[in-house]
C-alpha cells in the first residue's frame, strides 16, 4: 500500500500524526521530524548541526608578568616624634586647599600634638603621615589639635595630600600614623622612579 504525499503533509500514514516544524511552521509527519541539539523540533530542510565553535573551550592564560622587580616599601627618613592609630574612617578630599569640614581623629601611643598658626602650617609644620590600605601613605598637615580624651586628638584645619600623596587618600579606622615637627622634602630619586605613586621623603630641619 502506498501513501500519497502532499507538500503540506496532509495525508494518511498508519501509526503517525501531523506535527509542525518549530522553525518554518511547515506541517509534516511526526516520524520525519528531527530534533536539534537545543531541543528544537524541525523538518529536514530546517535542520542544523550544532556549530563546532560551540565546543571550543578557552585555555587559561596566566597574565601576570614572569620577570618583575618588587615594589619597594614607602621610605621615610624622618625623626618621628609620635605614633598612633586613626580611630575613625577618614575620607578623601581635594588637595591644595584648606579642609574645614573634616577632622582626623587619632589616638597616640604617647607624646602630644601641638596647635600652630596658619603661617606655620604653610611653612611646613604639623606633618602627619597616615598609612592607606590602597597606595602607601598620605602626608597631610593640620593646624588645630584638640585633646578630646587621654592621648586622643581631633585634628582640624587640614591640608590634604601633601607632596603628591593624593592616591593614598581615604583610610579606614585603625590606620597607622606618624607625626613629626620636622619639615619634609622629597628625597632625591633617580629619573626611573620619579613617576611612581609611592614616594620617598626625608626630613629637612629649619631654623
N, C-alpha and C. Protein backbone atom coordinates (compact mmCIF):
# COMPACT_ATOMS: atom_id res chain seq x y z
N UNK A 1 0.86 -1.19 0.00
CA UNK A 1 0.00 0.00 0.00
C UNK A 1 0.89 1.23 0.00
N UNK A 2 0.62 2.14 -0.90
CA UNK A 2 1.39 3.38 -0.98
C UNK A 2 0.59 4.52 -0.38
N UNK A 3 1.32 5.52 0.12
CA UNK A 3 0.67 6.68 0.75
C UNK A 3 0.97 7.91 -0.10
N UNK A 4 -0.05 8.61 -0.47
CA UNK A 4 0.11 9.82 -1.29
C UNK A 4 0.58 10.97 -0.41
N UNK A 5 1.72 11.54 -0.79
CA UNK A 5 2.29 12.64 -0.01
C UNK A 5 1.91 13.98 -0.65
N UNK A 6 1.72 14.97 0.18
CA UNK A 6 1.47 16.34 -0.30
C UNK A 6 2.49 17.25 0.34
N UNK A 7 2.60 18.46 -0.19
CA UNK A 7 3.58 19.40 0.34
C UNK A 7 3.23 19.87 1.75
N UNK A 8 1.97 19.74 2.11
CA UNK A 8 1.55 20.18 3.44
C UNK A 8 1.62 19.07 4.46
N UNK A 9 1.89 17.84 4.06
CA UNK A 9 1.92 16.72 4.98
C UNK A 9 0.55 16.22 5.35
N UNK A 10 -0.48 16.68 4.68
CA UNK A 10 -1.85 16.24 4.99
C UNK A 10 -2.16 14.98 4.20
N UNK A 11 -1.77 13.87 4.74
CA UNK A 11 -2.08 12.57 4.13
C UNK A 11 -2.10 11.54 5.25
N UNK A 12 -2.69 10.42 4.94
CA UNK A 12 -2.80 9.36 5.95
C UNK A 12 -1.57 8.48 5.94
N UNK A 13 -1.07 8.22 7.16
CA UNK A 13 0.05 7.31 7.32
C UNK A 13 -0.18 6.54 8.60
N UNK A 14 -0.35 5.24 8.53
CA UNK A 14 -0.65 4.47 9.74
C UNK A 14 0.43 4.66 10.82
N UNK A 15 -0.01 4.88 12.05
CA UNK A 15 0.90 5.00 13.18
C UNK A 15 1.61 6.32 13.29
N UNK A 16 1.24 7.32 12.49
CA UNK A 16 1.90 8.62 12.54
C UNK A 16 0.86 9.71 12.67
N UNK A 17 1.32 10.89 12.95
CA UNK A 17 0.41 12.03 13.07
C UNK A 17 1.12 13.27 12.52
N UNK A 18 0.35 14.31 12.35
CA UNK A 18 0.90 15.54 11.81
C UNK A 18 1.51 16.40 12.93
N UNK A 19 2.64 17.00 12.62
CA UNK A 19 3.27 17.97 13.53
C UNK A 19 3.73 19.16 12.70
N UNK A 20 4.16 20.23 13.37
CA UNK A 20 4.62 21.43 12.68
C UNK A 20 6.08 21.70 13.02
N UNK A 21 6.83 22.03 12.01
CA UNK A 21 8.24 22.42 12.21
C UNK A 21 8.28 23.68 13.06
N UNK A 22 9.10 23.66 14.10
CA UNK A 22 9.17 24.80 15.01
C UNK A 22 10.03 25.93 14.47
N UNK A 23 10.57 25.76 13.28
CA UNK A 23 11.33 26.87 12.69
C UNK A 23 10.57 27.51 11.54
N UNK A 24 10.12 26.71 10.57
CA UNK A 24 9.45 27.29 9.41
C UNK A 24 7.92 27.17 9.47
N UNK A 25 7.41 26.34 10.40
CA UNK A 25 5.97 26.18 10.53
C UNK A 25 5.34 25.20 9.56
N UNK A 26 6.14 24.49 8.78
CA UNK A 26 5.60 23.53 7.82
C UNK A 26 5.03 22.31 8.54
N UNK A 27 3.91 21.80 8.05
CA UNK A 27 3.28 20.61 8.63
C UNK A 27 3.86 19.37 7.98
N UNK A 28 4.37 18.44 8.82
CA UNK A 28 4.93 17.19 8.31
C UNK A 28 4.51 16.06 9.24
N UNK A 29 4.85 14.84 8.86
CA UNK A 29 4.55 13.70 9.70
C UNK A 29 5.55 13.63 10.86
N UNK A 30 5.08 13.11 11.99
CA UNK A 30 5.89 13.09 13.20
C UNK A 30 7.15 12.27 13.04
N UNK A 31 7.10 11.19 12.23
CA UNK A 31 8.28 10.35 12.09
C UNK A 31 9.35 10.99 11.22
N UNK A 32 9.03 12.12 10.58
CA UNK A 32 10.01 12.83 9.76
C UNK A 32 10.68 13.98 10.51
N UNK A 33 10.22 14.22 11.70
CA UNK A 33 10.75 15.36 12.46
C UNK A 33 12.16 15.05 12.95
N UNK A 34 12.99 16.06 13.06
CA UNK A 34 14.34 15.93 13.59
C UNK A 34 14.49 16.87 14.79
N UNK A 35 15.23 16.41 15.77
CA UNK A 35 15.42 17.20 16.99
C UNK A 35 16.84 17.75 17.00
N UNK A 36 16.96 19.08 17.06
CA UNK A 36 18.28 19.71 17.09
C UNK A 36 18.88 19.64 18.49
N UNK A 37 20.15 20.08 18.61
CA UNK A 37 20.89 19.97 19.87
C UNK A 37 20.26 20.79 20.99
N UNK A 38 19.52 21.83 20.64
CA UNK A 38 18.90 22.67 21.66
C UNK A 38 17.45 22.27 21.92
N UNK A 39 17.01 21.12 21.38
CA UNK A 39 15.67 20.62 21.64
C UNK A 39 14.63 21.07 20.65
N UNK A 40 15.01 21.89 19.67
CA UNK A 40 14.05 22.39 18.70
C UNK A 40 13.68 21.26 17.72
N UNK A 41 12.39 21.06 17.47
CA UNK A 41 11.90 20.01 16.57
C UNK A 41 11.60 20.63 15.22
N UNK A 42 12.34 20.19 14.18
CA UNK A 42 12.27 20.84 12.87
C UNK A 42 12.17 19.79 11.78
N UNK A 43 11.85 20.29 10.58
CA UNK A 43 11.83 19.43 9.40
C UNK A 43 13.24 19.28 8.85
N UNK A 44 13.40 18.39 7.90
CA UNK A 44 14.74 18.12 7.36
C UNK A 44 15.41 19.34 6.74
N UNK A 45 14.69 20.17 5.91
CA UNK A 45 15.37 21.34 5.32
C UNK A 45 15.82 22.36 6.39
N UNK A 46 15.14 22.40 7.51
CA UNK A 46 15.49 23.39 8.55
C UNK A 46 16.54 22.87 9.53
N UNK A 47 16.86 21.61 9.49
CA UNK A 47 17.74 21.02 10.50
C UNK A 47 19.16 21.58 10.37
N UNK A 48 19.75 21.95 11.49
CA UNK A 48 21.11 22.47 11.53
C UNK A 48 21.90 21.74 12.60
N UNK A 49 23.11 21.33 12.23
CA UNK A 49 24.01 20.74 13.22
C UNK A 49 24.53 21.84 14.15
N UNK A 50 24.89 21.43 15.33
CA UNK A 50 25.48 22.41 16.26
C UNK A 50 26.84 22.86 15.73
N UNK A 51 27.09 24.17 15.81
CA UNK A 51 28.33 24.71 15.27
C UNK A 51 29.53 24.19 16.06
N UNK A 52 30.59 23.75 15.39
CA UNK A 52 31.76 23.22 16.10
C UNK A 52 32.39 24.22 17.08
N UNK A 53 32.26 25.52 16.80
CA UNK A 53 32.85 26.51 17.69
C UNK A 53 32.20 26.51 19.07
N UNK A 54 30.96 25.98 19.15
CA UNK A 54 30.31 25.89 20.46
C UNK A 54 31.03 24.93 21.38
N UNK A 55 31.82 24.04 20.81
CA UNK A 55 32.52 23.04 21.60
C UNK A 55 33.91 23.50 22.03
N UNK A 56 34.34 24.65 21.52
CA UNK A 56 35.68 25.13 21.84
C UNK A 56 35.71 25.64 23.27
N UNK A 57 36.69 25.28 24.01
CA UNK A 57 36.87 25.74 25.38
C UNK A 57 38.16 26.53 25.48
N UNK A 58 38.10 27.66 26.15
CA UNK A 58 39.28 28.50 26.29
C UNK A 58 40.35 27.84 27.13
N UNK A 59 41.58 28.22 26.85
CA UNK A 59 42.73 27.74 27.62
C UNK A 59 43.15 28.84 28.57
N UNK A 60 43.31 28.50 29.85
CA UNK A 60 43.69 29.51 30.84
C UNK A 60 45.04 30.12 30.50
N UNK A 61 45.07 31.43 30.47
CA UNK A 61 46.30 32.16 30.17
C UNK A 61 46.64 33.04 31.36
N UNK A 62 47.69 32.68 32.06
CA UNK A 62 48.10 33.46 33.24
C UNK A 62 48.73 34.76 32.76
N UNK A 63 48.09 35.89 33.06
CA UNK A 63 48.50 37.17 32.51
C UNK A 63 49.61 37.86 33.29
N UNK A 64 49.96 37.36 34.45
CA UNK A 64 50.98 38.03 35.26
C UNK A 64 52.35 37.97 34.57
N UNK A 65 53.11 39.04 34.72
CA UNK A 65 54.46 39.05 34.16
C UNK A 65 55.34 38.06 34.90
N UNK A 66 56.25 37.46 34.17
CA UNK A 66 57.12 36.45 34.80
C UNK A 66 58.37 37.06 35.43
N UNK A 67 58.83 38.18 34.88
CA UNK A 67 60.02 38.84 35.42
C UNK A 67 59.63 40.23 35.89
N UNK A 68 59.57 40.41 37.19
CA UNK A 68 59.20 41.71 37.76
C UNK A 68 60.16 42.06 38.89
N UNK A 69 60.25 43.34 39.16
CA UNK A 69 61.01 43.82 40.31
C UNK A 69 60.03 44.14 41.43
N UNK A 70 60.34 43.80 42.67
CA UNK A 70 59.42 44.08 43.77
C UNK A 70 59.26 45.57 43.98
N UNK A 71 58.03 45.98 44.30
CA UNK A 71 57.74 47.39 44.59
C UNK A 71 58.31 47.71 45.96
N UNK A 72 59.22 48.68 46.06
CA UNK A 72 59.79 48.99 47.37
C UNK A 72 58.76 49.63 48.29
N UNK A 73 58.94 49.40 49.56
CA UNK A 73 58.03 49.99 50.55
C UNK A 73 58.30 51.49 50.66
N UNK A 74 57.28 52.24 51.11
CA UNK A 74 57.47 53.67 51.34
C UNK A 74 58.57 53.87 52.37
N UNK A 75 59.39 54.84 52.11
CA UNK A 75 60.56 55.08 52.96
C UNK A 75 60.51 56.49 53.51
N UNK A 76 60.50 56.62 54.83
CA UNK A 76 60.50 57.92 55.48
C UNK A 76 61.80 58.04 56.27
N UNK A 77 62.62 59.00 55.86
CA UNK A 77 63.82 59.30 56.63
C UNK A 77 63.44 60.51 57.47
N UNK A 78 62.80 60.27 58.57
CA UNK A 78 62.08 61.33 59.29
C UNK A 78 62.17 61.09 60.79
N UNK A 79 62.54 62.11 61.57
CA UNK A 79 62.53 61.95 63.02
C UNK A 79 61.10 61.94 63.56
N UNK A 80 60.50 60.76 63.64
CA UNK A 80 59.12 60.63 64.08
C UNK A 80 59.03 60.93 65.57
N UNK A 81 58.17 61.86 65.93
CA UNK A 81 58.03 62.23 67.34
C UNK A 81 56.92 61.46 68.03
N UNK A 82 55.83 61.17 67.33
CA UNK A 82 54.73 60.41 67.92
C UNK A 82 54.17 59.44 66.88
N UNK A 83 53.59 58.35 67.38
CA UNK A 83 52.91 57.40 66.51
C UNK A 83 51.56 57.07 67.12
N UNK A 84 50.68 56.49 66.33
CA UNK A 84 49.36 56.12 66.83
C UNK A 84 48.53 55.51 65.75
N UNK A 85 47.21 55.54 65.97
CA UNK A 85 46.24 54.97 65.03
C UNK A 85 45.09 55.94 64.85
N UNK A 86 44.47 55.89 63.68
CA UNK A 86 43.23 56.63 63.50
C UNK A 86 42.11 55.86 64.20
N UNK A 87 41.13 56.57 64.73
CA UNK A 87 40.03 55.92 65.45
C UNK A 87 38.69 56.15 64.76
N UNK A 88 38.72 56.64 63.53
CA UNK A 88 37.50 56.83 62.74
C UNK A 88 37.89 56.83 61.27
N UNK A 89 37.00 56.40 60.38
CA UNK A 89 37.31 56.47 58.95
C UNK A 89 37.61 57.89 58.52
N UNK A 90 38.51 58.02 57.55
CA UNK A 90 38.96 59.33 57.11
C UNK A 90 38.83 59.38 55.59
N UNK A 91 37.82 60.12 55.10
CA UNK A 91 37.54 60.16 53.67
C UNK A 91 38.50 61.04 52.91
N UNK A 92 38.34 61.03 51.57
CA UNK A 92 39.22 61.84 50.74
C UNK A 92 38.64 63.24 50.57
N UNK A 93 39.43 64.11 49.96
CA UNK A 93 39.01 65.49 49.73
C UNK A 93 39.93 66.08 48.69
N UNK A 94 39.64 67.33 48.26
CA UNK A 94 40.51 68.00 47.32
C UNK A 94 41.82 68.37 48.00
N UNK A 95 42.90 68.22 47.25
CA UNK A 95 44.19 68.65 47.78
C UNK A 95 44.44 70.09 47.37
N UNK A 96 45.33 70.76 48.09
CA UNK A 96 45.73 72.11 47.73
C UNK A 96 44.89 73.21 48.34
N UNK A 97 43.89 72.88 49.14
CA UNK A 97 43.09 73.92 49.80
C UNK A 97 42.75 73.46 51.21
N UNK A 98 42.41 74.39 52.06
CA UNK A 98 42.09 74.07 53.45
C UNK A 98 40.81 73.25 53.52
N UNK A 99 40.85 72.19 54.30
CA UNK A 99 39.67 71.37 54.56
C UNK A 99 39.15 71.74 55.94
N UNK A 100 38.05 72.51 55.97
CA UNK A 100 37.49 72.97 57.24
C UNK A 100 36.30 72.13 57.69
N UNK A 101 35.94 71.10 56.92
CA UNK A 101 34.77 70.28 57.26
C UNK A 101 35.14 68.96 57.93
N UNK A 102 36.18 68.33 57.48
CA UNK A 102 36.56 67.03 58.02
C UNK A 102 37.55 67.19 59.17
N UNK A 103 37.63 66.15 59.98
CA UNK A 103 38.62 66.11 61.06
C UNK A 103 39.23 64.72 61.08
N UNK A 104 40.49 64.67 61.47
CA UNK A 104 41.21 63.40 61.60
C UNK A 104 41.29 63.07 63.09
N UNK A 105 40.64 61.98 63.48
CA UNK A 105 40.60 61.57 64.87
C UNK A 105 41.63 60.48 65.09
N UNK A 106 42.55 60.73 66.04
CA UNK A 106 43.69 59.84 66.25
C UNK A 106 43.86 59.54 67.73
N UNK A 107 44.45 58.39 67.99
CA UNK A 107 44.85 58.02 69.35
C UNK A 107 46.33 57.71 69.33
N UNK A 108 47.09 58.38 70.17
CA UNK A 108 48.54 58.26 70.16
C UNK A 108 49.01 57.21 71.15
N UNK A 109 50.18 56.65 70.86
CA UNK A 109 50.81 55.74 71.82
C UNK A 109 51.57 56.51 72.88
N UNK A 110 51.79 57.79 72.63
CA UNK A 110 52.49 58.64 73.58
C UNK A 110 52.78 59.98 72.94
N UNK A 111 53.21 60.94 73.74
CA UNK A 111 53.52 62.25 73.21
C UNK A 111 52.28 63.11 73.06
N UNK A 112 52.43 64.22 72.36
CA UNK A 112 51.32 65.15 72.17
C UNK A 112 51.44 65.81 70.81
N UNK A 113 50.35 66.44 70.40
CA UNK A 113 50.30 67.14 69.12
C UNK A 113 49.99 68.61 69.37
N UNK A 114 50.76 69.53 68.77
CA UNK A 114 50.57 70.96 69.05
C UNK A 114 49.57 71.61 68.10
N UNK A 115 49.04 72.73 68.54
CA UNK A 115 48.28 73.63 67.68
C UNK A 115 49.20 74.77 67.27
N UNK A 116 49.20 75.13 65.98
CA UNK A 116 50.10 76.17 65.48
C UNK A 116 49.30 77.18 64.67
N UNK A 117 49.98 78.21 64.22
CA UNK A 117 49.32 79.21 63.40
C UNK A 117 49.22 78.74 61.95
N UNK A 118 48.36 79.42 61.21
CA UNK A 118 48.20 79.07 59.80
C UNK A 118 49.50 79.28 59.04
N UNK A 119 50.23 80.35 59.37
CA UNK A 119 51.50 80.62 58.71
C UNK A 119 52.51 79.51 58.96
N UNK A 120 52.52 78.98 60.17
CA UNK A 120 53.44 77.89 60.48
C UNK A 120 53.10 76.63 59.69
N UNK A 121 51.81 76.36 59.50
CA UNK A 121 51.42 75.22 58.67
C UNK A 121 51.90 75.41 57.25
N UNK A 122 51.71 76.63 56.71
CA UNK A 122 52.14 76.90 55.34
C UNK A 122 53.65 76.84 55.20
N UNK A 123 54.36 77.02 56.30
CA UNK A 123 55.81 76.90 56.29
C UNK A 123 56.27 75.47 56.54
N UNK A 124 55.30 74.51 56.67
CA UNK A 124 55.66 73.10 56.73
C UNK A 124 55.48 72.42 58.07
N UNK A 125 54.84 73.09 59.05
CA UNK A 125 54.71 72.50 60.38
C UNK A 125 53.55 71.50 60.44
N UNK A 126 53.55 70.71 61.51
CA UNK A 126 52.46 69.77 61.84
C UNK A 126 52.17 68.79 60.71
N UNK A 127 53.17 68.01 60.40
CA UNK A 127 53.04 66.98 59.37
C UNK A 127 52.59 65.66 59.99
N UNK A 128 51.66 65.01 59.31
CA UNK A 128 51.18 63.69 59.72
C UNK A 128 51.16 62.79 58.49
N UNK A 129 51.65 61.58 58.67
CA UNK A 129 51.58 60.58 57.59
C UNK A 129 50.65 59.46 58.04
N UNK A 130 49.59 59.20 57.25
CA UNK A 130 48.60 58.16 57.56
C UNK A 130 48.71 57.06 56.51
N UNK A 131 48.84 55.83 56.98
CA UNK A 131 49.00 54.71 56.04
C UNK A 131 47.66 54.32 55.43
N UNK A 132 47.67 54.19 54.11
CA UNK A 132 46.47 53.80 53.38
C UNK A 132 46.55 52.33 52.98
N UNK A 133 45.43 51.60 53.01
CA UNK A 133 45.47 50.20 52.54
C UNK A 133 45.54 50.11 51.02
N UNK A 134 45.40 51.25 50.32
CA UNK A 134 45.33 51.23 48.87
C UNK A 134 46.67 51.57 48.22
N UNK A 135 47.34 52.61 48.69
CA UNK A 135 48.54 53.04 48.00
C UNK A 135 49.44 53.85 48.93
N UNK A 136 50.14 53.19 49.82
CA UNK A 136 51.16 53.85 50.61
C UNK A 136 50.64 54.74 51.71
N UNK A 137 51.22 55.94 51.83
CA UNK A 137 50.93 56.87 52.92
C UNK A 137 50.45 58.20 52.36
N UNK A 138 49.45 58.77 53.02
CA UNK A 138 49.07 60.15 52.72
C UNK A 138 49.78 61.05 53.71
N UNK A 139 50.46 62.05 53.19
CA UNK A 139 51.09 63.07 54.03
C UNK A 139 50.16 64.28 54.06
N UNK A 140 49.80 64.71 55.25
CA UNK A 140 48.91 65.86 55.38
C UNK A 140 49.40 66.77 56.51
N UNK A 141 48.79 67.93 56.60
CA UNK A 141 49.11 68.88 57.67
C UNK A 141 47.82 69.30 58.36
N UNK A 142 47.97 69.67 59.61
CA UNK A 142 46.83 70.17 60.38
C UNK A 142 47.26 71.44 61.11
N UNK A 143 46.28 72.25 61.45
CA UNK A 143 46.59 73.45 62.23
C UNK A 143 46.19 73.30 63.69
N UNK A 144 44.99 72.75 63.94
CA UNK A 144 44.45 72.70 65.30
C UNK A 144 44.40 71.25 65.77
N UNK A 145 44.97 71.00 66.95
CA UNK A 145 44.91 69.68 67.59
C UNK A 145 44.13 69.83 68.89
N UNK A 146 42.92 69.26 68.92
CA UNK A 146 42.05 69.37 70.11
C UNK A 146 42.09 68.05 70.88
N UNK A 147 42.50 68.13 72.16
CA UNK A 147 42.55 66.94 73.01
C UNK A 147 41.13 66.60 73.45
N UNK A 148 40.64 65.42 73.04
CA UNK A 148 39.27 65.01 73.36
C UNK A 148 39.21 63.95 74.44
N UNK A 149 40.31 63.25 74.68
CA UNK A 149 40.42 62.21 75.71
C UNK A 149 41.90 61.97 75.91
N UNK A 150 42.29 61.23 76.94
CA UNK A 150 43.73 60.96 77.13
C UNK A 150 44.35 60.35 75.87
N UNK A 151 45.39 61.02 75.39
CA UNK A 151 46.13 60.58 74.19
C UNK A 151 45.26 60.54 72.93
N UNK A 152 44.12 61.21 72.94
CA UNK A 152 43.21 61.20 71.80
C UNK A 152 42.99 62.63 71.32
N UNK A 153 43.17 62.84 70.00
CA UNK A 153 43.08 64.18 69.43
C UNK A 153 42.12 64.18 68.24
N UNK A 154 41.55 65.36 68.03
CA UNK A 154 40.80 65.64 66.81
C UNK A 154 41.57 66.72 66.06
N UNK A 155 42.07 66.39 64.88
CA UNK A 155 42.89 67.32 64.10
C UNK A 155 42.01 67.99 63.05
N UNK A 156 42.01 69.31 63.05
CA UNK A 156 41.17 70.08 62.13
C UNK A 156 42.01 71.12 61.40
N UNK A 157 41.35 71.81 60.45
CA UNK A 157 42.03 72.76 59.57
C UNK A 157 43.16 72.03 58.85
N UNK A 158 42.77 71.18 57.90
CA UNK A 158 43.71 70.25 57.28
C UNK A 158 44.13 70.71 55.89
N UNK A 159 45.34 70.37 55.55
CA UNK A 159 45.83 70.45 54.18
C UNK A 159 46.14 69.02 53.74
N UNK A 160 45.38 68.52 52.76
CA UNK A 160 45.43 67.10 52.40
C UNK A 160 46.41 66.83 51.26
N UNK A 161 46.82 65.57 51.20
CA UNK A 161 47.60 65.03 50.06
C UNK A 161 48.82 65.89 49.74
N UNK A 162 49.61 66.16 50.75
CA UNK A 162 50.81 66.96 50.54
C UNK A 162 51.87 66.12 49.83
N UNK A 163 52.73 66.81 49.07
CA UNK A 163 53.87 66.18 48.41
C UNK A 163 53.45 65.05 47.46
N UNK A 164 52.32 65.21 46.79
CA UNK A 164 51.91 64.26 45.76
C UNK A 164 51.40 62.93 46.27
N UNK A 165 50.79 62.89 47.46
CA UNK A 165 50.30 61.63 48.02
C UNK A 165 48.78 61.49 47.88
N UNK A 166 48.20 62.10 46.85
CA UNK A 166 46.74 62.08 46.70
C UNK A 166 46.19 60.68 46.46
N UNK A 167 46.98 59.77 45.91
CA UNK A 167 46.49 58.42 45.66
C UNK A 167 46.27 57.63 46.95
N UNK A 168 46.82 58.11 48.05
CA UNK A 168 46.69 57.39 49.32
C UNK A 168 45.58 57.97 50.19
N UNK A 169 44.79 58.90 49.68
CA UNK A 169 43.71 59.46 50.49
C UNK A 169 42.62 58.42 50.72
N UNK A 170 41.86 58.61 51.80
CA UNK A 170 40.77 57.74 52.23
C UNK A 170 41.33 56.52 52.95
N UNK A 171 41.22 56.54 54.27
CA UNK A 171 41.75 55.46 55.10
C UNK A 171 40.69 55.01 56.10
N UNK A 172 40.68 53.73 56.46
CA UNK A 172 39.71 53.24 57.44
C UNK A 172 40.17 53.50 58.86
N UNK A 173 39.29 53.26 59.81
CA UNK A 173 39.67 53.35 61.21
C UNK A 173 40.73 52.31 61.52
N UNK A 174 41.66 52.67 62.39
CA UNK A 174 42.73 51.74 62.75
C UNK A 174 43.95 51.84 61.88
N UNK A 175 44.04 52.86 61.04
CA UNK A 175 45.21 53.03 60.17
C UNK A 175 46.38 53.61 60.95
N UNK A 176 47.59 53.07 60.77
CA UNK A 176 48.76 53.62 61.47
C UNK A 176 49.06 55.04 61.00
N UNK A 177 49.61 55.83 61.92
CA UNK A 177 50.02 57.19 61.56
C UNK A 177 51.32 57.53 62.25
N UNK A 178 52.03 58.49 61.66
CA UNK A 178 53.25 59.05 62.24
C UNK A 178 53.14 60.56 62.16
N UNK A 179 53.65 61.23 63.16
CA UNK A 179 53.63 62.68 63.17
C UNK A 179 55.01 63.19 63.53
N UNK A 180 55.36 64.37 62.99
CA UNK A 180 56.68 64.93 63.24
C UNK A 180 56.60 66.44 63.16
N UNK A 181 57.46 67.07 63.93
CA UNK A 181 57.55 68.53 63.88
C UNK A 181 58.55 68.99 62.83
N UNK A 182 59.26 68.04 62.22
CA UNK A 182 60.25 68.40 61.20
C UNK A 182 59.57 68.75 59.89
N UNK A 183 60.33 69.41 59.03
CA UNK A 183 59.84 69.72 57.69
C UNK A 183 60.23 68.57 56.76
N UNK A 184 59.35 68.24 55.83
CA UNK A 184 59.64 67.19 54.87
C UNK A 184 60.05 67.78 53.54
N UNK A 185 60.95 67.09 52.89
CA UNK A 185 61.22 67.36 51.49
C UNK A 185 61.36 66.02 50.79
N UNK A 186 61.10 66.01 49.52
CA UNK A 186 61.21 64.76 48.78
C UNK A 186 62.67 64.37 48.64
N UNK A 187 62.96 63.13 48.92
CA UNK A 187 64.34 62.65 48.80
C UNK A 187 64.72 62.60 47.33
N UNK A 188 66.03 62.74 47.07
CA UNK A 188 66.49 62.67 45.70
C UNK A 188 66.24 61.29 45.11
N UNK A 189 65.57 61.24 43.95
CA UNK A 189 65.22 59.97 43.33
C UNK A 189 65.82 59.91 41.93
N UNK A 190 66.20 58.73 41.48
CA UNK A 190 66.63 58.60 40.09
C UNK A 190 65.45 58.83 39.16
N UNK A 191 65.71 59.25 37.93
CA UNK A 191 64.61 59.54 36.99
C UNK A 191 63.66 58.36 36.80
N UNK A 192 64.17 57.13 36.89
CA UNK A 192 63.31 55.97 36.66
C UNK A 192 62.25 55.80 37.72
N UNK A 193 62.38 56.49 38.87
CA UNK A 193 61.43 56.30 39.95
C UNK A 193 60.56 57.53 40.20
N UNK A 194 60.80 58.61 39.49
CA UNK A 194 60.06 59.84 39.76
C UNK A 194 58.60 59.75 39.38
N UNK A 195 58.23 58.85 38.48
CA UNK A 195 56.84 58.74 38.06
C UNK A 195 56.03 57.81 38.93
N UNK A 196 56.62 57.14 39.91
CA UNK A 196 55.88 56.19 40.73
C UNK A 196 55.02 56.92 41.75
N UNK A 197 53.90 56.30 42.07
CA UNK A 197 52.97 56.92 43.00
C UNK A 197 53.46 56.83 44.43
N UNK A 198 54.28 55.83 44.77
CA UNK A 198 54.81 55.72 46.11
C UNK A 198 56.05 56.61 46.22
N UNK A 199 56.12 57.37 47.29
CA UNK A 199 57.15 58.39 47.41
C UNK A 199 58.16 58.03 48.50
N UNK A 200 59.31 58.66 48.41
CA UNK A 200 60.27 58.60 49.48
C UNK A 200 60.48 60.03 49.96
N UNK A 201 60.65 60.18 51.25
CA UNK A 201 60.75 61.51 51.83
C UNK A 201 61.94 61.52 52.80
N UNK A 202 62.46 62.70 53.03
CA UNK A 202 63.47 62.85 54.06
C UNK A 202 63.19 64.13 54.83
N UNK A 203 63.75 64.23 56.01
CA UNK A 203 63.48 65.38 56.88
C UNK A 203 64.44 66.51 56.55
N UNK A 204 63.92 67.73 56.67
CA UNK A 204 64.78 68.90 56.49
C UNK A 204 64.50 69.82 57.68
N UNK A 205 65.49 70.03 58.50
CA UNK A 205 65.29 70.88 59.67
C UNK A 205 65.34 72.33 59.25
N UNK A 206 64.57 73.17 59.93
CA UNK A 206 64.56 74.58 59.62
C UNK A 206 64.84 75.35 60.90
N UNK A 207 65.39 76.49 60.76
CA UNK A 207 65.69 77.31 61.93
C UNK A 207 64.51 78.20 62.27
